[in-house]
């Protein structure tokens, strides 16, 4: 939305639940041979949201850390966007629940949700950039919190072994426009059945749940098929964005959605991008869905590896099948 970047990232925050789930534990849970997860998936460990943690309190913690990083002034936030894949409940929106949990400091701030599974953060960023461009907002808080492990189909270890739980948030502040901004987003709906949760909506309502149909209410992903789809469609999209970029390409850092170790590395190879300017932490945390990009953004930013002025290309894929690439200046 728009042809300029109308924001700077003023704050970031992340949160991980305490429970660590190792590859060996995933092997046992999925009923596969010891070592299967490391050999076929490559995620060493991921976190699981267990009580007293919850989807809601992870969102609160990430949001508070981002706002604190941005100066701690909640009165300056005039829009909250929740871009999570996971939901606390069907109604009201996650963002309204987050605002309620934040208490008086967030009271009255407009709230809305954006749902685009693993691309949620990039879609929210595009929408926020548009609102900031027309001057409707000054500071926007984007939050992504995910508890995907509880919805896994453990009979599908190739997808169940990828997922992790966690949350991240980012504060955007309106600024004078800069030309760095590029955003492209495409959807190929013919692949929609490659990644889905069938149950829980009008097609298969939650009140029709039965043990016999339990798998229909869990996350399903045709991993090898999606891998081939992404390698066919994503690199050309990224090359189109890079072809229009005016930033210093020798400084450009790429942050991909942390989908899987194999997928992240395959995209890097297809783009022929140097490892030192390509961010890959998926083996440490798993696939955090919409939270993965802002989570790693906070990790790298706080480590001093993404200083202000760095050109950053964020890219990824999602259920749909959708794909997007967003170029910003930090």
C-alpha atoms as a PDB file:
ATOM      1  CA  UNK A   1       0.000   0.000   0.000  1.00  0.00           C
ATOM      2  CA  UNK A   2       1.695   3.188  -1.181  1.00  0.00           C
ATOM      3  CA  UNK A   3       5.049   3.692  -2.870  1.00  0.00           C
ATOM      4  CA  UNK A   4       7.058   5.115   0.051  1.00  0.00           C
ATOM      5  CA  UNK A   5       7.913   4.066   3.569  1.00  0.00           C
ATOM      6  CA  UNK A   6       6.078   6.258   6.062  1.00  0.00           C
ATOM      7  CA  UNK A   7       7.381   4.782   9.311  1.00  0.00           C
ATOM      8  CA  UNK A   8      10.397   3.908  11.366  1.00  0.00           C
ATOM      9  CA  UNK A   9      10.509   0.945  13.718  1.00  0.00           C
ATOM     10  CA  UNK A  10      10.711   2.532  17.170  1.00  0.00           C
ATOM     11  CA  UNK A  11      10.352  -0.545  19.336  1.00  0.00           C
ATOM     12  CA  UNK A  12      10.364  -4.341  19.210  1.00  0.00           C
ATOM     13  CA  UNK A  13       9.702  -7.071  21.748  1.00  0.00           C
ATOM     14  CA  UNK A  14       9.420 -10.839  21.939  1.00  0.00           C
ATOM     15  CA  UNK A  15       8.363 -13.508  24.397  1.00  0.00           C
ATOM     16  CA  UNK A  16       8.953 -17.258  24.624  1.00  0.00           C
ATOM     17  CA  UNK A  17       7.136 -19.626  26.985  1.00  0.00           C
ATOM     18  CA  UNK A  18       9.320 -21.560  29.419  1.00  0.00           C
ATOM     19  CA  UNK A  19       8.698 -25.149  28.287  1.00  0.00           C
ATOM     20  CA  UNK A  20      11.357 -26.464  25.887  1.00  0.00           C
ATOM     21  CA  UNK A  21      10.389 -29.354  23.608  1.00  0.00           C
ATOM     22  CA  UNK A  22      13.366 -31.174  22.110  1.00  0.00           C
ATOM     23  CA  UNK A  23      13.629 -33.071  18.858  1.00  0.00           C
ATOM     24  CA  UNK A  24      13.802 -36.309  20.863  1.00  0.00           C
ATOM     25  CA  UNK A  25      10.494 -35.475  22.539  1.00  0.00           C
ATOM     26  CA  UNK A  26       8.906 -34.784  19.159  1.00  0.00           C
ATOM     27  CA  UNK A  27      10.152 -38.173  17.926  1.00  0.00           C
ATOM     28  CA  UNK A  28       8.463 -39.878  20.873  1.00  0.00           C
ATOM     29  CA  UNK A  29       5.220 -37.884  20.521  1.00  0.00           C
ATOM     30  CA  UNK A  30       4.961 -38.649  16.802  1.00  0.00           C
ATOM     31  CA  UNK A  31       5.913 -42.302  17.214  1.00  0.00           C
ATOM     32  CA  UNK A  32       8.878 -42.139  14.835  1.00  0.00           C
ATOM     33  CA  UNK A  33      12.376 -43.566  15.172  1.00  0.00           C
ATOM     34  CA  UNK A  34      14.797 -41.689  17.462  1.00  0.00           C
ATOM     35  CA  UNK A  35      16.678 -39.100  15.416  1.00  0.00           C
ATOM     36  CA  UNK A  36      13.935 -38.790  12.778  1.00  0.00           C
ATOM     37  CA  UNK A  37      13.138 -35.141  13.535  1.00  0.00           C
ATOM     38  CA  UNK A  38      16.750 -34.016  13.335  1.00  0.00           C
ATOM     39  CA  UNK A  39      17.392 -35.955  10.139  1.00  0.00           C
ATOM     40  CA  UNK A  40      14.221 -35.005   8.262  1.00  0.00           C
ATOM     41  CA  UNK A  41      13.176 -31.654   9.784  1.00  0.00           C
ATOM     42  CA  UNK A  42      16.212 -30.173  11.537  1.00  0.00           C
ATOM     43  CA  UNK A  43      14.503 -28.185  14.315  1.00  0.00           C
ATOM     44  CA  UNK A  44      16.581 -28.826  17.444  1.00  0.00           C
ATOM     45  CA  UNK A  45      14.060 -27.405  19.892  1.00  0.00           C
ATOM     46  CA  UNK A  46      10.975 -25.253  20.123  1.00  0.00           C
ATOM     47  CA  UNK A  47       8.936 -23.754  22.978  1.00  0.00           C
ATOM     48  CA  UNK A  48       5.467 -24.848  24.067  1.00  0.00           C
ATOM     49  CA  UNK A  49       2.890 -22.637  25.726  1.00  0.00           C
ATOM     50  CA  UNK A  50       1.955 -24.370  28.996  1.00  0.00           C
ATOM     51  CA  UNK A  51       0.109 -22.905  31.990  1.00  0.00           C
ATOM     52  CA  UNK A  52       0.535 -20.298  33.425  1.00  0.00           C
ATOM     53  CA  UNK A  53       1.455 -18.981  29.970  1.00  0.00           C
ATOM     54  CA  UNK A  54      -1.339 -18.470  27.459  1.00  0.00           C
ATOM     55  CA  UNK A  55      -1.879 -16.957  24.028  1.00  0.00           C
ATOM     56  CA  UNK A  56      -3.183 -13.803  25.689  1.00  0.00           C
ATOM     57  CA  UNK A  57      -0.417 -13.281  28.223  1.00  0.00           C
ATOM     58  CA  UNK A  58       2.309 -13.958  25.629  1.00  0.00           C
ATOM     59  CA  UNK A  59       0.794 -11.200  23.480  1.00  0.00           C
ATOM     60  CA  UNK A  60       0.731  -8.848  26.481  1.00  0.00           C
ATOM     61  CA  UNK A  61       4.372  -9.508  27.334  1.00  0.00           C
ATOM     62  CA  UNK A  62       5.620  -9.011  23.787  1.00  0.00           C
ATOM     63  CA  UNK A  63       3.527  -5.848  23.386  1.00  0.00           C
ATOM     64  CA  UNK A  64       4.764  -4.359  26.660  1.00  0.00           C
ATOM     65  CA  UNK A  65       8.386  -5.038  25.737  1.00  0.00           C
ATOM     66  CA  UNK A  66       7.944  -3.380  22.343  1.00  0.00           C
ATOM     67  CA  UNK A  67       6.262  -0.295  23.797  1.00  0.00           C
ATOM     68  CA  UNK A  68       8.906  -0.058  26.524  1.00  0.00           C
ATOM     69  CA  UNK A  69      11.591  -0.246  23.831  1.00  0.00           C
ATOM     70  CA  UNK A  70       9.805   2.600  22.032  1.00  0.00           C
ATOM     71  CA  UNK A  71       9.901   4.815  25.121  1.00  0.00           C
ATOM     72  CA  UNK A  72       7.124   3.339  27.247  1.00  0.00           C
ATOM     73  CA  UNK A  73       4.412   5.859  26.348  1.00  0.00           C
ATOM     74  CA  UNK A  74       1.148   3.984  25.818  1.00  0.00           C
ATOM     75  CA  UNK A  75      -0.704   7.252  25.187  1.00  0.00           C
ATOM     76  CA  UNK A  76       1.251   7.592  21.922  1.00  0.00           C
ATOM     77  CA  UNK A  77      -0.162   4.318  20.526  1.00  0.00           C
ATOM     78  CA  UNK A  78      -3.240   5.067  18.433  1.00  0.00           C
ATOM     79  CA  UNK A  79      -3.844   1.701  16.739  1.00  0.00           C
ATOM     80  CA  UNK A  80      -3.333  -1.931  17.775  1.00  0.00           C
ATOM     81  CA  UNK A  81      -3.225  -4.581  15.039  1.00  0.00           C
ATOM     82  CA  UNK A  82      -3.147  -8.245  16.016  1.00  0.00           C
ATOM     83  CA  UNK A  83      -1.773 -10.223  13.068  1.00  0.00           C
ATOM     84  CA  UNK A  84      -1.672 -13.663  14.711  1.00  0.00           C
ATOM     85  CA  UNK A  85      -2.675 -16.933  13.108  1.00  0.00           C
ATOM     86  CA  UNK A  86      -4.018 -18.340  16.387  1.00  0.00           C
ATOM     87  CA  UNK A  87      -7.105 -17.002  18.122  1.00  0.00           C
ATOM     88  CA  UNK A  88      -8.081 -16.951  21.774  1.00  0.00           C
ATOM     89  CA  UNK A  89     -11.757 -17.252  20.774  1.00  0.00           C
ATOM     90  CA  UNK A  90     -13.851 -16.523  17.655  1.00  0.00           C
ATOM     91  CA  UNK A  91     -15.266 -13.209  18.925  1.00  0.00           C
ATOM     92  CA  UNK A  92     -14.129 -10.556  19.842  1.00  0.00           C
ATOM     93  CA  UNK A  93     -10.933  -9.966  17.927  1.00  0.00           C
ATOM     94  CA  UNK A  94      -7.583 -10.834  19.506  1.00  0.00           C
ATOM     95  CA  UNK A  95      -6.584  -7.170  19.575  1.00  0.00           C
ATOM     96  CA  UNK A  96      -9.594  -6.224  21.712  1.00  0.00           C
ATOM     97  CA  UNK A  97      -8.770  -9.010  24.169  1.00  0.00           C
ATOM     98  CA  UNK A  98      -5.168  -7.820  24.267  1.00  0.00           C
ATOM     99  CA  UNK A  99      -6.304  -4.266  24.960  1.00  0.00           C
ATOM    100  CA  UNK A 100      -8.530  -5.480  27.794  1.00  0.00           C
ATOM    101  CA  UNK A 101      -5.663  -7.464  29.309  1.00  0.00           C
ATOM    102  CA  UNK A 102      -3.384  -4.430  29.083  1.00  0.00           C
ATOM    103  CA  UNK A 103      -5.818  -2.497  31.259  1.00  0.00           C
ATOM    104  CA  UNK A 104      -6.284   1.243  31.650  1.00  0.00           C
ATOM    105  CA  UNK A 105      -3.060   2.172  29.823  1.00  0.00           C
ATOM    106  CA  UNK A 106      -4.489   0.883  26.518  1.00  0.00           C
ATOM    107  CA  UNK A 107      -8.153   1.804  27.064  1.00  0.00           C
ATOM    108  CA  UNK A 108      -9.771   3.435  24.045  1.00  0.00           C
ATOM    109  CA  UNK A 109      -7.067   2.572  21.501  1.00  0.00           C
ATOM    110  CA  UNK A 110      -8.696   1.296  18.271  1.00  0.00           C
ATOM    111  CA  UNK A 111      -8.120  -2.436  17.777  1.00  0.00           C
ATOM    112  CA  UNK A 112      -8.426  -4.807  14.847  1.00  0.00           C
ATOM    113  CA  UNK A 113      -7.163  -8.172  13.633  1.00  0.00           C
ATOM    114  CA  UNK A 114      -5.467  -9.118  10.367  1.00  0.00           C
ATOM    115  CA  UNK A 115      -5.422 -12.842   9.571  1.00  0.00           C
ATOM    116  CA  UNK A 116      -3.035 -14.000   6.875  1.00  0.00           C
ATOM    117  CA  UNK A 117      -1.420 -16.945   8.717  1.00  0.00           C
ATOM    118  CA  UNK A 118       2.374 -16.819   8.389  1.00  0.00           C
ATOM    119  CA  UNK A 119       2.288 -13.579   6.367  1.00  0.00           C
ATOM    120  CA  UNK A 120       0.236 -11.750   8.992  1.00  0.00           C
ATOM    121  CA  UNK A 121       3.039  -9.431  10.060  1.00  0.00           C
ATOM    122  CA  UNK A 122       3.964  -8.354   6.521  1.00  0.00           C
ATOM    123  CA  UNK A 123       0.311  -7.756   5.605  1.00  0.00           C
ATOM    124  CA  UNK A 124      -0.210  -5.717   8.789  1.00  0.00           C
ATOM    125  CA  UNK A 125       2.946  -3.739   7.995  1.00  0.00           C
ATOM    126  CA  UNK A 126       1.604  -2.883   4.546  1.00  0.00           C
ATOM    127  CA  UNK A 127      -1.760  -1.768   5.949  1.00  0.00           C
ATOM    128  CA  UNK A 128      -0.121   0.270   8.709  1.00  0.00           C
ATOM    129  CA  UNK A 129       2.154   1.982   6.186  1.00  0.00           C
ATOM    130  CA  UNK A 130      -0.930   3.084   4.260  1.00  0.00           C
ATOM    131  CA  UNK A 131      -2.667   4.490   7.334  1.00  0.00           C
ATOM    132  CA  UNK A 132       0.483   6.293   8.408  1.00  0.00           C
ATOM    133  CA  UNK A 133       0.863   7.711   4.892  1.00  0.00           C
ATOM    134  CA  UNK A 134      -2.489   9.506   5.025  1.00  0.00           C
ATOM    135  CA  UNK A 135      -1.788  10.825   8.504  1.00  0.00           C
ATOM    136  CA  UNK A 136      -4.550   8.925  10.294  1.00  0.00           C
ATOM    137  CA  UNK A 137      -2.142   7.437  12.825  1.00  0.00           C
ATOM    138  CA  UNK A 138       1.100   8.413  14.546  1.00  0.00           C
ATOM    139  CA  UNK A 139       2.142   5.187  16.243  1.00  0.00           C
ATOM    140  CA  UNK A 140       0.916   1.669  15.445  1.00  0.00           C
ATOM    141  CA  UNK A 141       1.488  -1.448  17.546  1.00  0.00           C
ATOM    142  CA  UNK A 142       1.532  -4.769  15.653  1.00  0.00           C
ATOM    143  CA  UNK A 143       1.356  -7.950  17.739  1.00  0.00           C
ATOM    144  CA  UNK A 144       1.675 -11.618  16.738  1.00  0.00           C
ATOM    145  CA  UNK A 145       1.232 -14.444  19.271  1.00  0.00           C
ATOM    146  CA  UNK A 146       1.143 -18.125  18.322  1.00  0.00           C
ATOM    147  CA  UNK A 147       0.315 -21.390  20.108  1.00  0.00           C
ATOM    148  CA  UNK A 148       0.371 -23.681  17.097  1.00  0.00           C
ATOM    149  CA  UNK A 149       1.684 -26.747  18.906  1.00  0.00           C
ATOM    150  CA  UNK A 150      -1.679 -27.445  20.523  1.00  0.00           C
ATOM    151  CA  UNK A 151      -3.291 -27.793  17.100  1.00  0.00           C
ATOM    152  CA  UNK A 152      -0.830 -30.227  15.552  1.00  0.00           C
ATOM    153  CA  UNK A 153      -1.807 -33.497  13.942  1.00  0.00           C
ATOM    154  CA  UNK A 154       0.853 -35.734  15.466  1.00  0.00           C
ATOM    155  CA  UNK A 155       0.294 -38.346  12.785  1.00  0.00           C
ATOM    156  CA  UNK A 156       2.002 -35.861  10.413  1.00  0.00           C
ATOM    157  CA  UNK A 157       5.490 -35.538  11.929  1.00  0.00           C
ATOM    158  CA  UNK A 158       6.891 -33.653   8.934  1.00  0.00           C
ATOM    159  CA  UNK A 159       4.706 -30.654   9.847  1.00  0.00           C
ATOM    160  CA  UNK A 160       4.225 -31.206  13.598  1.00  0.00           C
ATOM    161  CA  UNK A 161       7.994 -31.207  14.156  1.00  0.00           C
ATOM    162  CA  UNK A 162       8.334 -27.733  12.625  1.00  0.00           C
ATOM    163  CA  UNK A 163       6.056 -25.687  14.852  1.00  0.00           C
ATOM    164  CA  UNK A 164       6.906 -23.644  17.945  1.00  0.00           C
ATOM    165  CA  UNK A 165       5.044 -21.232  20.237  1.00  0.00           C
ATOM    166  CA  UNK A 166       5.955 -17.630  20.974  1.00  0.00           C
ATOM    167  CA  UNK A 167       5.049 -13.977  20.480  1.00  0.00           C
ATOM    168  CA  UNK A 168       6.514 -10.761  19.101  1.00  0.00           C
ATOM    169  CA  UNK A 169       5.482  -7.139  18.675  1.00  0.00           C
ATOM    170  CA  UNK A 170       6.648  -4.031  16.835  1.00  0.00           C
ATOM    171  CA  UNK A 171       5.919  -0.315  17.286  1.00  0.00           C
ATOM    172  CA  UNK A 172       5.866   1.790  14.115  1.00  0.00           C
ATOM    173  CA  UNK A 173       6.128   5.585  14.207  1.00  0.00           C
ATOM    174  CA  UNK A 174       5.118   7.889  11.379  1.00  0.00           C
ATOM    175  CA  UNK A 175       8.008   9.713   9.708  1.00  0.00           C
ATOM    176  CA  UNK A 176       8.758  11.654   6.545  1.00  0.00           C
ATOM    177  CA  UNK A 177       8.436   9.345   3.531  1.00  0.00           C
ATOM    178  CA  UNK A 178      11.495   7.529   2.225  1.00  0.00           C
ATOM    179  CA  UNK A 179      11.725   5.730  -1.142  1.00  0.00           C
ATOM    180  CA  UNK A 180      13.071   2.435   0.221  1.00  0.00           C
ATOM    181  CA  UNK A 181       9.638   0.840   0.638  1.00  0.00           C
ATOM    182  CA  UNK A 182       8.648  -1.972  -1.707  1.00  0.00           C
ATOM    183  CA  UNK A 183       5.904  -4.511  -1.096  1.00  0.00           C
ATOM    184  CA  UNK A 184       4.500  -7.284  -3.269  1.00  0.00           C
ATOM    185  CA  UNK A 185       1.878  -9.816  -2.221  1.00  0.00           C
ATOM    186  CA  UNK A 186       0.458 -12.632  -4.356  1.00  0.00           C
ATOM    187  CA  UNK A 187      -2.043 -15.430  -3.772  1.00  0.00           C
ATOM    188  CA  UNK A 188      -2.496 -18.649  -5.773  1.00  0.00           C
ATOM    189  CA  UNK A 189      -5.751 -20.058  -4.406  1.00  0.00           C
ATOM    190  CA  UNK A 190      -5.508 -23.233  -6.453  1.00  0.00           C
ATOM    191  CA  UNK A 191      -3.096 -24.475  -3.785  1.00  0.00           C
ATOM    192  CA  UNK A 192      -5.353 -23.702  -0.810  1.00  0.00           C
ATOM    193  CA  UNK A 193      -5.725 -27.344   0.243  1.00  0.00           C
ATOM    194  CA  UNK A 194      -1.958 -27.770   0.666  1.00  0.00           C
ATOM    195  CA  UNK A 195      -2.099 -26.061   4.077  1.00  0.00           C
ATOM    196  CA  UNK A 196      -5.312 -25.850   6.078  1.00  0.00           C
ATOM    197  CA  UNK A 197      -7.415 -26.474   9.152  1.00  0.00           C
ATOM    198  CA  UNK A 198     -10.768 -27.729   7.914  1.00  0.00           C
ATOM    199  CA  UNK A 199     -12.804 -27.647  11.128  1.00  0.00           C
ATOM    200  CA  UNK A 200     -13.943 -24.714  13.232  1.00  0.00           C
ATOM    201  CA  UNK A 201     -15.836 -22.617  10.677  1.00  0.00           C
ATOM    202  CA  UNK A 202     -19.022 -22.810   8.615  1.00  0.00           C
ATOM    203  CA  UNK A 203     -17.782 -25.766   6.578  1.00  0.00           C
ATOM    204  CA  UNK A 204     -17.331 -27.909   9.680  1.00  0.00           C
ATOM    205  CA  UNK A 205     -18.633 -26.052  12.756  1.00  0.00           C
ATOM    206  CA  UNK A 206     -16.984 -26.490  16.162  1.00  0.00           C
ATOM    207  CA  UNK A 207     -20.206 -27.932  17.600  1.00  0.00           C
ATOM    208  CA  UNK A 208     -19.976 -30.795  15.076  1.00  0.00           C
ATOM    209  CA  UNK A 209     -16.674 -31.967  16.540  1.00  0.00           C
ATOM    210  CA  UNK A 210     -16.267 -35.689  17.160  1.00  0.00           C
ATOM    211  CA  UNK A 211     -13.306 -37.836  18.115  1.00  0.00           C
ATOM    212  CA  UNK A 212     -13.643 -39.610  14.785  1.00  0.00           C
ATOM    213  CA  UNK A 213     -13.131 -36.294  12.961  1.00  0.00           C
ATOM    214  CA  UNK A 214     -10.444 -34.933  15.269  1.00  0.00           C
ATOM    215  CA  UNK A 215      -7.877 -34.679  12.460  1.00  0.00           C
ATOM    216  CA  UNK A 216     -10.160 -32.270  10.575  1.00  0.00           C
ATOM    217  CA  UNK A 217      -9.818 -29.789  13.439  1.00  0.00           C
ATOM    218  CA  UNK A 218      -6.029 -29.908  13.403  1.00  0.00           C
ATOM    219  CA  UNK A 219      -3.367 -28.285  11.262  1.00  0.00           C
ATOM    220  CA  UNK A 220      -2.517 -30.129   8.058  1.00  0.00           C
ATOM    221  CA  UNK A 221       0.270 -29.277   5.661  1.00  0.00           C
ATOM    222  CA  UNK A 222       1.523 -31.049   2.570  1.00  0.00           C
ATOM    223  CA  UNK A 223       5.109 -30.042   3.264  1.00  0.00           C
ATOM    224  CA  UNK A 224       6.893 -31.442   0.186  1.00  0.00           C
ATOM    225  CA  UNK A 225       4.222 -30.024  -2.125  1.00  0.00           C
ATOM    226  CA  UNK A 226       4.391 -26.581  -0.516  1.00  0.00           C
ATOM    227  CA  UNK A 227       8.173 -26.701  -0.739  1.00  0.00           C
ATOM    228  CA  UNK A 228       7.962 -27.200  -4.503  1.00  0.00           C
ATOM    229  CA  UNK A 229       5.295 -24.489  -4.873  1.00  0.00           C
ATOM    230  CA  UNK A 230       7.371 -21.972  -2.928  1.00  0.00           C
ATOM    231  CA  UNK A 231      10.550 -22.685  -4.871  1.00  0.00           C
ATOM    232  CA  UNK A 232       8.632 -22.182  -8.113  1.00  0.00           C
ATOM    233  CA  UNK A 233       6.829 -18.941  -7.226  1.00  0.00           C
ATOM    234  CA  UNK A 234       8.723 -17.138  -4.444  1.00  0.00           C
ATOM    235  CA  UNK A 235      12.171 -16.516  -6.017  1.00  0.00           C
ATOM    236  CA  UNK A 236      10.697 -14.731  -9.080  1.00  0.00           C
ATOM    237  CA  UNK A 237       8.664 -12.446  -6.790  1.00  0.00           C
ATOM    238  CA  UNK A 238      11.748 -11.634  -4.722  1.00  0.00           C
ATOM    239  CA  UNK A 239      13.794 -10.959  -7.848  1.00  0.00           C
ATOM    240  CA  UNK A 240      11.138  -8.514  -9.072  1.00  0.00           C
ATOM    241  CA  UNK A 241      11.339  -6.631  -5.781  1.00  0.00           C
ATOM    242  CA  UNK A 242      15.143  -6.635  -5.811  1.00  0.00           C
ATOM    243  CA  UNK A 243      15.086  -5.419  -9.403  1.00  0.00           C
ATOM    244  CA  UNK A 244      13.197  -2.287  -8.310  1.00  0.00           C
ATOM    245  CA  UNK A 245      15.248  -1.667  -5.160  1.00  0.00           C
ATOM    246  CA  UNK A 246      17.228   1.565  -4.902  1.00  0.00           C
ATOM    247  CA  UNK A 247      19.021   0.736  -1.646  1.00  0.00           C
ATOM    248  CA  UNK A 248      22.676  -0.276  -1.274  1.00  0.00           C
ATOM    249  CA  UNK A 249      22.555  -3.965  -2.223  1.00  0.00           C
ATOM    250  CA  UNK A 250      25.875  -4.621  -0.487  1.00  0.00           C
ATOM    251  CA  UNK A 251      24.213  -3.742   2.841  1.00  0.00           C
ATOM    252  CA  UNK A 252      20.874  -5.432   2.234  1.00  0.00           C
ATOM    253  CA  UNK A 253      19.925  -8.084   4.800  1.00  0.00           C
ATOM    254  CA  UNK A 254      17.263 -10.704   4.067  1.00  0.00           C
ATOM    255  CA  UNK A 255      14.966 -11.958   6.832  1.00  0.00           C
ATOM    256  CA  UNK A 256      12.802 -14.849   5.584  1.00  0.00           C
ATOM    257  CA  UNK A 257       9.812 -16.314   7.358  1.00  0.00           C
ATOM    258  CA  UNK A 258      11.330 -19.070   9.473  1.00  0.00           C
ATOM    259  CA  UNK A 259       9.264 -21.833   7.884  1.00  0.00           C
ATOM    260  CA  UNK A 260      11.667 -24.770   8.047  1.00  0.00           C
ATOM    261  CA  UNK A 261      15.446 -25.269   8.011  1.00  0.00           C
ATOM    262  CA  UNK A 262      15.292 -26.887   4.597  1.00  0.00           C
ATOM    263  CA  UNK A 263      12.987 -24.251   3.143  1.00  0.00           C
ATOM    264  CA  UNK A 264      14.906 -21.268   4.504  1.00  0.00           C
ATOM    265  CA  UNK A 265      18.193 -22.588   3.117  1.00  0.00           C
ATOM    266  CA  UNK A 266      16.650 -23.532  -0.234  1.00  0.00           C
ATOM    267  CA  UNK A 267      15.371 -19.987  -0.746  1.00  0.00           C
ATOM    268  CA  UNK A 268      18.804 -18.572   0.124  1.00  0.00           C
ATOM    269  CA  UNK A 269      20.465 -20.839  -2.414  1.00  0.00           C
ATOM    270  CA  UNK A 270      17.939 -19.973  -5.110  1.00  0.00           C
ATOM    271  CA  UNK A 271      18.614 -16.268  -4.530  1.00  0.00           C
ATOM    272  CA  UNK A 272      22.391 -16.880  -4.309  1.00  0.00           C
ATOM    273  CA  UNK A 273      22.455 -14.694  -1.207  1.00  0.00           C
ATOM    274  CA  UNK A 274      25.469 -14.705   1.167  1.00  0.00           C
ATOM    275  CA  UNK A 275      24.889 -16.413   4.521  1.00  0.00           C
ATOM    276  CA  UNK A 276      26.276 -13.466   6.484  1.00  0.00           C
ATOM    277  CA  UNK A 277      23.394 -11.274   5.257  1.00  0.00           C
ATOM    278  CA  UNK A 278      20.664 -13.904   5.497  1.00  0.00           C
ATOM    279  CA  UNK A 279      19.006 -14.505   8.875  1.00  0.00           C
ATOM    280  CA  UNK A 280      18.229 -18.104   9.859  1.00  0.00           C
ATOM    281  CA  UNK A 281      17.242 -19.094  13.408  1.00  0.00           C
ATOM    282  CA  UNK A 282      14.534 -21.648  12.635  1.00  0.00           C
ATOM    283  CA  UNK A 283      16.483 -24.605  14.082  1.00  0.00           C
ATOM    284  CA  UNK A 284      16.481 -22.875  17.497  1.00  0.00           C
ATOM    285  CA  UNK A 285      12.825 -21.844  17.706  1.00  0.00           C
ATOM    286  CA  UNK A 286      10.839 -23.672  15.040  1.00  0.00           C
ATOM    287  CA  UNK A 287       8.183 -22.088  12.863  1.00  0.00           C
ATOM    288  CA  UNK A 288       6.398 -19.386  14.899  1.00  0.00           C
ATOM    289  CA  UNK A 289       3.916 -18.662  12.093  1.00  0.00           C
ATOM    290  CA  UNK A 290       3.083 -14.927  11.934  1.00  0.00           C
ATOM    291  CA  UNK A 291       5.364 -14.227  14.915  1.00  0.00           C
ATOM    292  CA  UNK A 292       8.470 -15.616  13.217  1.00  0.00           C
ATOM    293  CA  UNK A 293       9.578 -12.492  11.310  1.00  0.00           C
ATOM    294  CA  UNK A 294       8.978  -9.932  14.103  1.00  0.00           C
ATOM    295  CA  UNK A 295      10.455 -12.370  16.650  1.00  0.00           C
ATOM    296  CA  UNK A 296      13.736 -12.680  14.748  1.00  0.00           C
ATOM    297  CA  UNK A 297      13.663  -8.961  13.946  1.00  0.00           C
ATOM    298  CA  UNK A 298      13.675  -8.212  17.687  1.00  0.00           C
ATOM    299  CA  UNK A 299      16.366 -10.824  18.333  1.00  0.00           C
ATOM    300  CA  UNK A 300      18.709  -9.388  15.704  1.00  0.00           C
ATOM    301  CA  UNK A 301      17.916  -5.775  16.498  1.00  0.00           C
ATOM    302  CA  UNK A 302      18.668  -6.142  20.216  1.00  0.00           C
ATOM    303  CA  UNK A 303      21.892  -7.992  19.377  1.00  0.00           C
ATOM    304  CA  UNK A 304      23.022  -4.948  17.391  1.00  0.00           C
ATOM    305  CA  UNK A 305      23.077  -6.776  14.074  1.00  0.00           C
ATOM    306  CA  UNK A 306      20.337  -4.622  12.502  1.00  0.00           C
ATOM    307  CA  UNK A 307      21.298  -1.011  13.245  1.00  0.00           C
ATOM    308  CA  UNK A 308      19.190   1.964  12.110  1.00  0.00           C
ATOM    309  CA  UNK A 309      19.501   2.598   8.394  1.00  0.00           C
ATOM    310  CA  UNK A 310      19.914  -1.070   7.472  1.00  0.00           C
ATOM    311  CA  UNK A 311      17.939  -2.045   4.350  1.00  0.00           C
ATOM    312  CA  UNK A 312      15.922  -5.140   5.262  1.00  0.00           C
ATOM    313  CA  UNK A 313      14.038  -7.441   2.909  1.00  0.00           C
ATOM    314  CA  UNK A 314      11.442  -9.577   4.683  1.00  0.00           C
ATOM    315  CA  UNK A 315       9.790 -12.363   2.744  1.00  0.00           C
ATOM    316  CA  UNK A 316       7.674 -15.435   3.244  1.00  0.00           C
ATOM    317  CA  UNK A 317       4.804 -17.697   2.345  1.00  0.00           C
ATOM    318  CA  UNK A 318       1.535 -18.655   3.979  1.00  0.00           C
ATOM    319  CA  UNK A 319      -1.537 -20.825   3.656  1.00  0.00           C
ATOM    320  CA  UNK A 320      -3.566 -19.795   0.655  1.00  0.00           C
ATOM    321  CA  UNK A 321      -1.064 -20.297  -1.028  1.00  0.00           C
ATOM    322  CA  UNK A 322       0.188 -16.720  -0.572  1.00  0.00           C
ATOM    323  CA  UNK A 323       3.621 -15.122  -0.706  1.00  0.00           C
ATOM    324  CA  UNK A 324       4.995 -11.657  -0.052  1.00  0.00           C
ATOM    325  CA  UNK A 325       8.190  -9.632   0.078  1.00  0.00           C
ATOM    326  CA  UNK A 326       8.611  -6.301   1.861  1.00  0.00           C
ATOM    327  CA  UNK A 327      11.653  -4.033   1.655  1.00  0.00           C
ATOM    328  CA  UNK A 328      12.124  -1.397   4.369  1.00  0.00           C
ATOM    329  CA  UNK A 329      14.833   0.770   5.873  1.00  0.00           C
ATOM    330  CA  UNK A 330      15.276   0.291   9.608  1.00  0.00           C
END
